[in-house]
C-alpha atoms as a PDB file:
ATOM      1  CA  PHE A   1       0.000   0.000   0.000  1.00  0.00           C
ATOM      2  CA  PHE A   2       2.761   2.442   0.920  1.00  0.00           C
ATOM      3  CA  PHE A   3       4.508   1.864  -2.409  1.00  0.00           C
ATOM      4  CA  SER A   4       1.401   2.541  -4.497  1.00  0.00           C
ATOM      5  CA  HIS A   5       0.666   5.678  -2.452  1.00  0.00           C
ATOM      6  CA  HIS A   6       4.204   6.900  -3.110  1.00  0.00           C
ATOM      7  CA  HIS A   7       3.767   6.165  -6.816  1.00  0.00           C
ATOM      8  CA  VAL A   8       0.571   8.257  -6.981  1.00  0.00           C
ATOM      9  CA  THR A   9       2.314  11.187  -5.289  1.00  0.00           C
ATOM     10  CA  LEU A  10       5.125  10.967  -7.820  1.00  0.00           C
ATOM     11  CA  GLN A  11       2.660  11.001 -10.740  1.00  0.00           C
ATOM     12  CA  VAL A  12       0.959  14.124  -9.389  1.00  0.00           C
ATOM     13  CA  PHE A  13       4.344  15.806  -9.006  1.00  0.00           C
ATOM     14  CA  VAL A  14       5.384  14.863 -12.548  1.00  0.00           C
ATOM     15  CA  GLY A  15       2.018  16.052 -13.896  1.00  0.00           C
ATOM     16  CA  GLY A  16       2.434  19.419 -12.212  1.00  0.00           C
ATOM     17  CA  LEU A  17       5.726  20.045 -13.986  1.00  0.00           C
ATOM     18  CA  ALA A  18       4.633  18.515 -17.296  1.00  0.00           C
ATOM     19  CA  ILE A  19       5.423  21.578 -19.406  1.00  0.00           C
ATOM     20  CA  GLU A  20       6.588  25.131 -18.788  1.00  0.00           C
ATOM     21  CA  VAL A  21       7.418  28.223 -20.803  1.00  0.00           C
ATOM     22  CA  GLN A  22       8.598  31.768 -20.081  1.00  0.00           C
ATOM     23  CA  LYS A  23       5.546  33.929 -19.363  1.00  0.00           C
ATOM     24  CA  LEU A  24       6.261  37.005 -21.485  1.00  0.00           C
ATOM     25  CA  PHE A  25       8.108  37.820 -24.695  1.00  0.00           C
ATOM     26  CA  ASN A  26       8.537  41.458 -25.747  1.00  0.00           C
ATOM     27  CA  VAL A  27       9.618  41.766 -29.386  1.00  0.00           C
ATOM     28  CA  LYS A  28       9.740  44.545 -31.938  1.00  0.00           C
ATOM     29  CA  ASN A  29       7.786  44.578 -35.180  1.00  0.00           C
ATOM     30  CA  GLY A  30       9.655  42.563 -37.844  1.00  0.00           C
ATOM     31  CA  GLN A  31      11.810  40.678 -35.341  1.00  0.00           C
ATOM     32  CA  GLN A  32      11.950  36.934 -34.740  1.00  0.00           C
ATOM     33  CA  ALA A  33      10.939  35.195 -31.518  1.00  0.00           C
ATOM     34  CA  SER A  34      12.351  31.856 -30.377  1.00  0.00           C
ATOM     35  CA  ILE A  35      10.247  30.245 -27.668  1.00  0.00           C
ATOM     36  CA  THR A  36      11.425  27.191 -25.751  1.00  0.00           C
ATOM     37  CA  CYS A  37       8.871  25.051 -23.916  1.00  0.00           C
ATOM     38  CA  LYS A  38      10.473  22.572 -21.531  1.00  0.00           C
ATOM     39  CA  TYR A  39       8.603  19.354 -20.793  1.00  0.00           C
ATOM     40  CA  ASP A  40       8.976  16.309 -18.577  1.00  0.00           C
ATOM     41  CA  ARG A  41      10.818  13.536 -20.431  1.00  0.00           C
ATOM     42  CA  TYR A  42       7.911  11.187 -19.674  1.00  0.00           C
ATOM     43  CA  TYR A  43       6.106  12.952 -22.572  1.00  0.00           C
ATOM     44  CA  LYS A  44       8.931  12.481 -25.084  1.00  0.00           C
ATOM     45  CA  ASP A  45       6.842  10.440 -27.532  1.00  0.00           C
ATOM     46  CA  TYR A  46       3.655  12.496 -27.286  1.00  0.00           C
ATOM     47  CA  VAL A  47       2.459  14.948 -29.940  1.00  0.00           C
ATOM     48  CA  LYS A  48       3.278  18.601 -29.152  1.00  0.00           C
ATOM     49  CA  TYR A  49       1.596  21.724 -30.531  1.00  0.00           C
ATOM     50  CA  TRP A  50       1.519  25.550 -30.470  1.00  0.00           C
ATOM     51  CA  CYS A  51      -1.826  27.200 -30.012  1.00  0.00           C
ATOM     52  CA  ARG A  52      -3.068  30.812 -30.274  1.00  0.00           C
ATOM     53  CA  GLY A  53      -5.769  32.362 -28.078  1.00  0.00           C
ATOM     54  CA  TYR A  54      -6.578  33.372 -24.500  1.00  0.00           C
ATOM     55  CA  TYR A  55      -8.616  30.317 -23.470  1.00  0.00           C
ATOM     56  CA  ARG A  56      -6.804  26.997 -23.380  1.00  0.00           C
ATOM     57  CA  ASN A  57      -9.847  24.960 -24.431  1.00  0.00           C
ATOM     58  CA  SER A  58     -10.652  27.080 -27.479  1.00  0.00           C
ATOM     59  CA  CYS A  59      -7.239  28.235 -28.714  1.00  0.00           C
ATOM     60  CA  SER A  60      -6.512  27.503 -32.370  1.00  0.00           C
ATOM     61  CA  VAL A  61      -3.622  25.154 -33.159  1.00  0.00           C
ATOM     62  CA  VAL A  62      -1.065  26.860 -35.404  1.00  0.00           C
ATOM     63  CA  VAL A  63       1.539  24.095 -35.773  1.00  0.00           C
ATOM     64  CA  THR A  64       1.845  20.533 -34.481  1.00  0.00           C
ATOM     65  CA  THR A  65       4.579  17.878 -34.416  1.00  0.00           C
ATOM     66  CA  SER A  66       2.107  15.303 -35.792  1.00  0.00           C
ATOM     67  CA  GLY A  67       1.675  17.030 -39.127  1.00  0.00           C
ATOM     68  CA  LYS A  68       1.982  20.705 -39.980  1.00  0.00           C
ATOM     69  CA  LEU A  69       5.451  21.663 -38.702  1.00  0.00           C
ATOM     70  CA  GLN A  70       5.314  25.049 -40.431  1.00  0.00           C
ATOM     71  CA  GLN A  71       2.472  27.499 -40.985  1.00  0.00           C
ATOM     72  CA  GLY A  72       3.391  30.847 -42.494  1.00  0.00           C
ATOM     73  CA  SER A  73       6.156  32.321 -40.346  1.00  0.00           C
ATOM     74  CA  VAL A  74       5.722  29.812 -37.487  1.00  0.00           C
ATOM     75  CA  THR A  75       7.703  26.577 -37.105  1.00  0.00           C
ATOM     76  CA  ILE A  76       7.740  23.938 -34.365  1.00  0.00           C
ATOM     77  CA  LYS A  77      10.485  21.425 -33.570  1.00  0.00           C
ATOM     78  CA  ASP A  78      10.513  18.748 -30.865  1.00  0.00           C
ATOM     79  CA  GLU A  79      14.043  18.473 -29.450  1.00  0.00           C
ATOM     80  CA  ARG A  80      13.366  15.126 -27.750  1.00  0.00           C
ATOM     81  CA  ASP A  81      16.903  14.598 -26.500  1.00  0.00           C
ATOM     82  CA  ARG A  82      16.611  17.874 -24.551  1.00  0.00           C
ATOM     83  CA  SER A  83      12.882  17.534 -23.701  1.00  0.00           C
ATOM     84  CA  GLU A  84      12.173  20.885 -25.334  1.00  0.00           C
ATOM     85  CA  ILE A  85       9.762  22.195 -27.931  1.00  0.00           C
ATOM     86  CA  LEU A  86      11.263  24.993 -29.999  1.00  0.00           C
ATOM     87  CA  VAL A  87       8.784  27.395 -31.606  1.00  0.00           C
ATOM     88  CA  THR A  88      10.167  30.016 -33.970  1.00  0.00           C
ATOM     89  CA  ILE A  89       8.089  32.921 -35.264  1.00  0.00           C
ATOM     90  CA  SER A  90       9.829  35.076 -37.859  1.00  0.00           C
ATOM     91  CA  ASP A  91       8.882  38.557 -39.044  1.00  0.00           C
ATOM     92  CA  LEU A  92       6.457  39.263 -36.192  1.00  0.00           C
ATOM     93  CA  LYS A  93       3.670  41.757 -36.864  1.00  0.00           C
ATOM     94  CA  LEU A  94       1.763  43.961 -34.405  1.00  0.00           C
ATOM     95  CA  GLU A  95      -1.316  41.749 -34.905  1.00  0.00           C
ATOM     96  CA  ASP A  96       0.682  38.716 -33.682  1.00  0.00           C
ATOM     97  CA  SER A  97       0.445  40.140 -30.138  1.00  0.00           C
ATOM     98  CA  ASN A  98      -1.615  37.547 -28.278  1.00  0.00           C
ATOM     99  CA  TRP A  99      -1.699  34.741 -25.718  1.00  0.00           C
ATOM    100  CA  TYR A 100      -0.209  31.434 -26.872  1.00  0.00           C
ATOM    101  CA  TRP A 101      -0.017  27.906 -25.469  1.00  0.00           C
ATOM    102  CA  CYS A 102       2.547  25.116 -25.670  1.00  0.00           C
ATOM    103  CA  GLY A 103       0.658  21.850 -25.518  1.00  0.00           C
ATOM    104  CA  ILE A 104       1.175  18.114 -25.155  1.00  0.00           C
ATOM    105  CA  GLU A 105      -1.644  16.077 -26.661  1.00  0.00           C
ATOM    106  CA  ILE A 106      -3.106  13.599 -24.155  1.00  0.00           C
ATOM    107  CA  SER A 107      -6.871  13.697 -24.733  1.00  0.00           C
ATOM    108  CA  GLN A 108      -9.356  16.493 -25.363  1.00  0.00           C
ATOM    109  CA  TRP A 109      -9.654  17.970 -21.864  1.00  0.00           C
ATOM    110  CA  ARG A 110      -6.491  16.570 -20.296  1.00  0.00           C
ATOM    111  CA  ASP A 111      -3.765  18.001 -22.510  1.00  0.00           C
ATOM    112  CA  LYS A 112      -0.766  19.334 -20.618  1.00  0.00           C
ATOM    113  CA  MET A 113      -0.453  23.043 -21.465  1.00  0.00           C
ATOM    114  CA  ASP A 114       1.330  26.195 -20.396  1.00  0.00           C
ATOM    115  CA  TYR A 115       0.762  29.751 -21.616  1.00  0.00           C
ATOM    116  CA  THR A 116       2.840  32.732 -22.656  1.00  0.00           C
ATOM    117  CA  LYS A 117       2.112  36.248 -23.879  1.00  0.00           C
ATOM    118  CA  ILE A 118       3.804  37.757 -26.909  1.00  0.00           C
ATOM    119  CA  ASN A 119       3.831  41.559 -27.096  1.00  0.00           C
ATOM    120  CA  VAL A 120       4.889  42.981 -30.439  1.00  0.00           C
ATOM    121  CA  THR A 121       5.706  46.690 -30.341  1.00  0.00           C
ATOM    122  CA  GLU A 122       6.541  49.202 -33.040  1.00  0.00           C
ATOM    123  CA  GLY A 123      10.344  49.472 -33.180  1.00  0.00           C
ATOM    124  CA  LYS A 124      11.987  52.910 -33.155  1.00  0.00           C
ATOM    125  CA  LEU A 125      13.824  52.013 -36.357  1.00  0.00           C
ATOM    126  CA  SER A 126      10.560  51.505 -38.289  1.00  0.00           C
ATOM    127  CA  ILE A 127       9.131  54.813 -37.068  1.00  0.00           C
ATOM    128  CA  MET A 128      12.343  56.734 -37.841  1.00  0.00           C
ATOM    129  CA  ASN A 129      12.455  55.246 -41.350  1.00  0.00           C
ATOM    130  CA  LEU A 130       8.839  56.045 -42.134  1.00  0.00           C
ATOM    131  CA  PRO A 131       9.302  59.704 -43.190  1.00  0.00           C
ATOM    132  CA  VAL A 132      12.313  58.715 -45.310  1.00  0.00           C
ATOM    133  CA  LEU A 133      10.329  55.975 -47.057  1.00  0.00           C
ATOM    134  CA  SER A 134       7.308  58.215 -47.735  1.00  0.00           C
ATOM    135  CA  HIS A 135       9.652  61.004 -48.908  1.00  0.00           C
ATOM    136  CA  ASN A 136      10.903  58.666 -51.663  1.00  0.00           C
ATOM    137  CA  TYR A 137       7.450  58.534 -53.209  1.00  0.00           C
ATOM    138  CA  TYR A 138       7.230  62.267 -53.960  1.00  0.00           C
END
C-alpha cells in the first residue's frame, strides 16, 4: 500500500511540472521570436503543438509535431533529446500580439499546457524610417 501511495504522489508531481514556458516575450515589429517550452521527459513520444488564443480549451492550433510543422512564419520542432519544444516565429507583426499555449496532446480535456504572452511593439527604427520611405514617393 505504501509503495502505491508513493507512486501516486510521484505522478501528481510529474504532472504538475509537465510543461513550462517563459511567461512574457517582448519583441519589436519585424523581429523573430524563439520560444522554448520545456517538458517532462515522460512525454517524449507524445504529440506537441503551439496554439493561439486566450482560453486553453478554445485556442486555435497553429503548428503541431504530428503534421503541420510550419504554418506561415511559425515553425515547431521537438528536441526530444533535450525535452524541449522549440517554436520560432519570424517577421512578427503587431497583430501577432496575443496569448499562446505550448501543448502536449493527451486527450481532449487533459492536454498538458502552459501559456505565454507575446507583445509585439513598433520598433523605433521603423518609425524613424517612415518619413524617409514616404519622402521617396514624392
